[in-house]
Amino acid sequence: MTTHTGGVSVILRSGDYESAHYALALASAALAVNKPAVLFFTMGGIRAVMGPPPPVDDWERDAENKARGVGDFETLLEACVELGARFIVCEMGLRSLGIEAPSLRRDIPFTIAGIVTLLEETKPGMHLVTL
């Protein structure tokens, strides 16, 4: 049995750029130091896995971040995919907002599931963060 000594499960429920960007930054940082990361997209946060570019509020900040040497959204997203983040899109959130699965990005290996799956994936020792 594998035991974890850290890692993060991030619930992204907000549809603004800052929250989506920080969720990816937090997850990619955990993965970079060999800690597990789960990204759970629900309600407005589901917009972060639509697009590209995702229809999140304040998207202009992405170009500003990139120009300032801050990891941009796509770079952080690619890092999360390549480093093995677990992506979960909330089934309840999809239904609540009337979003169909085909409108989600195809380059992200996500699972459509619910809160129970999130809790199962959040192993002892992992931090649960909501943005």
Protein backbone atom coordinates (compact mmCIF):
# COMPACT_ATOMS: atom_id res chain seq x y z
CA MET A 1 0.00 0.00 0.00
CA THR A 2 1.35 3.42 -0.99
CA THR A 3 1.26 6.15 1.62
CA HIS A 4 1.42 9.81 0.73
CA THR A 5 3.28 12.47 2.64
CA GLY A 6 1.57 15.40 1.04
CA GLY A 7 0.07 16.45 -2.21
CA VAL A 8 -3.01 18.46 -3.02
CA SER A 9 -6.56 18.10 -4.16
CA VAL A 10 -7.77 21.41 -5.54
CA ILE A 11 -11.46 22.19 -5.96
CA LEU A 12 -11.81 24.89 -8.60
CA ARG A 13 -15.31 26.31 -8.33
CA SER A 14 -14.63 29.80 -9.58
CA GLY A 15 -14.61 30.85 -13.21
CA ASP A 16 -12.04 33.63 -12.92
CA TYR A 17 -8.55 33.53 -14.41
CA GLU A 18 -6.72 34.11 -11.14
CA SER A 19 -8.33 31.10 -9.44
CA ALA A 20 -7.88 28.81 -12.47
CA HIS A 21 -4.26 29.89 -12.91
CA TYR A 22 -3.45 29.40 -9.25
CA ALA A 23 -5.09 25.97 -9.19
CA LEU A 24 -2.80 24.88 -12.03
CA ALA A 25 0.24 26.50 -10.39
CA LEU A 26 -0.45 24.73 -7.11
CA ALA A 27 -1.02 21.35 -8.75
CA SER A 28 2.03 21.61 -11.03
CA ALA A 29 4.23 22.62 -8.07
CA ALA A 30 3.07 19.57 -6.10
CA LEU A 31 3.75 17.32 -9.06
CA ALA A 32 7.18 18.88 -9.61
CA VAL A 33 8.22 17.74 -6.13
CA ASN A 34 6.74 14.27 -6.65
CA LYS A 35 3.53 14.83 -4.71
CA PRO A 36 0.16 13.77 -6.10
CA ALA A 37 -2.27 16.38 -7.42
CA VAL A 38 -5.98 16.15 -8.09
CA LEU A 39 -7.81 18.95 -9.89
CA PHE A 40 -11.60 18.94 -9.40
CA PHE A 41 -13.47 21.37 -11.66
CA THR A 42 -17.00 22.28 -10.64
CA MET A 43 -19.54 25.01 -11.29
CA GLY A 44 -17.83 28.13 -12.77
CA GLY A 45 -14.47 26.36 -12.55
CA ILE A 46 -15.58 23.99 -15.33
CA ARG A 47 -14.98 26.84 -17.78
CA ALA A 48 -11.22 26.35 -17.21
CA VAL A 49 -11.42 23.03 -19.08
CA MET A 50 -13.37 24.48 -21.99
CA GLY A 51 -11.80 26.24 -24.95
CA PRO A 52 -8.95 26.92 -25.64
CA PRO A 53 -8.73 29.61 -24.60
CA PRO A 54 -11.03 28.91 -21.69
CA PRO A 55 -13.90 31.35 -21.24
CA VAL A 56 -12.74 32.51 -17.80
CA ASP A 57 -13.04 36.08 -16.55
CA ASP A 58 -9.97 38.37 -16.85
CA TRP A 59 -8.26 36.19 -19.49
CA GLU A 60 -6.12 39.18 -20.60
CA ARG A 61 -3.93 38.56 -17.55
CA ASP A 62 -2.54 35.43 -19.19
CA ALA A 63 -0.57 37.42 -21.77
CA GLU A 64 0.62 39.79 -19.04
CA ASN A 65 1.79 36.87 -16.92
CA LYS A 66 3.64 35.31 -19.84
CA ALA A 67 5.35 38.62 -20.68
CA ARG A 68 6.48 38.92 -17.04
CA GLY A 69 7.97 35.44 -16.98
CA VAL A 70 5.12 33.90 -14.99
CA GLY A 71 3.92 30.50 -16.16
CA ASP A 72 0.95 31.03 -18.45
CA PHE A 73 -2.22 28.96 -18.37
CA GLU A 74 -1.35 26.59 -21.21
CA THR A 75 2.18 25.94 -19.91
CA LEU A 76 0.86 25.12 -16.44
CA LEU A 77 -1.94 22.98 -17.87
CA GLU A 78 0.50 21.04 -20.06
CA ALA A 79 2.78 20.51 -17.05
CA CYS A 80 -0.13 19.12 -15.03
CA VAL A 81 -1.06 16.74 -17.85
CA GLU A 82 2.53 15.61 -18.48
CA LEU A 83 3.32 15.16 -14.78
CA GLY A 84 0.23 13.05 -14.17
CA ALA A 85 -2.33 15.21 -12.40
CA ARG A 86 -5.71 13.58 -11.91
CA PHE A 87 -8.39 15.71 -13.62
CA ILE A 88 -12.00 15.34 -12.50
CA VAL A 89 -14.90 17.33 -13.94
CA CYS A 90 -17.89 17.41 -11.63
CA GLU A 91 -20.94 15.70 -13.05
CA MET A 92 -23.25 17.74 -10.82
CA GLY A 93 -21.61 20.98 -11.99
CA LEU A 94 -22.02 20.00 -15.64
CA ARG A 95 -25.70 19.29 -15.09
CA SER A 96 -26.26 22.41 -13.01
CA LEU A 97 -24.81 24.67 -15.70
CA GLY A 98 -26.18 22.72 -18.67
CA ILE A 99 -22.68 22.07 -20.08
CA GLU A 100 -22.30 19.04 -22.32
CA ALA A 101 -19.15 16.91 -22.13
CA PRO A 102 -18.31 17.46 -25.85
CA SER A 103 -17.68 21.15 -25.08
CA LEU A 104 -14.75 20.21 -22.82
CA ARG A 105 -11.16 20.13 -24.06
CA ARG A 106 -10.05 16.88 -25.61
CA ASP A 107 -6.37 17.31 -24.70
CA ILE A 108 -7.01 16.84 -20.97
CA PRO A 109 -7.39 13.30 -19.61
CA PHE A 110 -10.36 14.08 -17.37
CA THR A 111 -12.93 11.85 -15.73
CA ILE A 112 -16.50 12.99 -15.22
CA ALA A 113 -17.36 12.07 -11.66
CA GLY A 114 -18.58 13.52 -8.39
CA ILE A 115 -17.58 14.56 -4.92
CA VAL A 116 -17.31 10.97 -3.71
CA THR A 117 -14.60 10.31 -6.32
CA LEU A 118 -12.79 13.48 -5.26
CA LEU A 119 -12.81 12.34 -1.66
CA GLU A 120 -11.60 8.87 -2.62
CA GLU A 121 -8.73 10.40 -4.63
CA THR A 122 -7.75 12.69 -1.73
CA LYS A 123 -5.56 10.28 0.19
CA PRO A 124 -4.54 10.66 3.84
CA GLY A 125 -1.85 13.33 4.12
CA MET A 126 -3.06 15.30 1.09
CA HIS A 127 -4.32 18.86 1.47
CA LEU A 128 -7.79 19.76 0.20
CA VAL A 129 -7.91 23.33 -1.13
CA THR A 130 -10.89 25.23 -2.56
CA LEU A 131 -10.43 28.11 -4.99
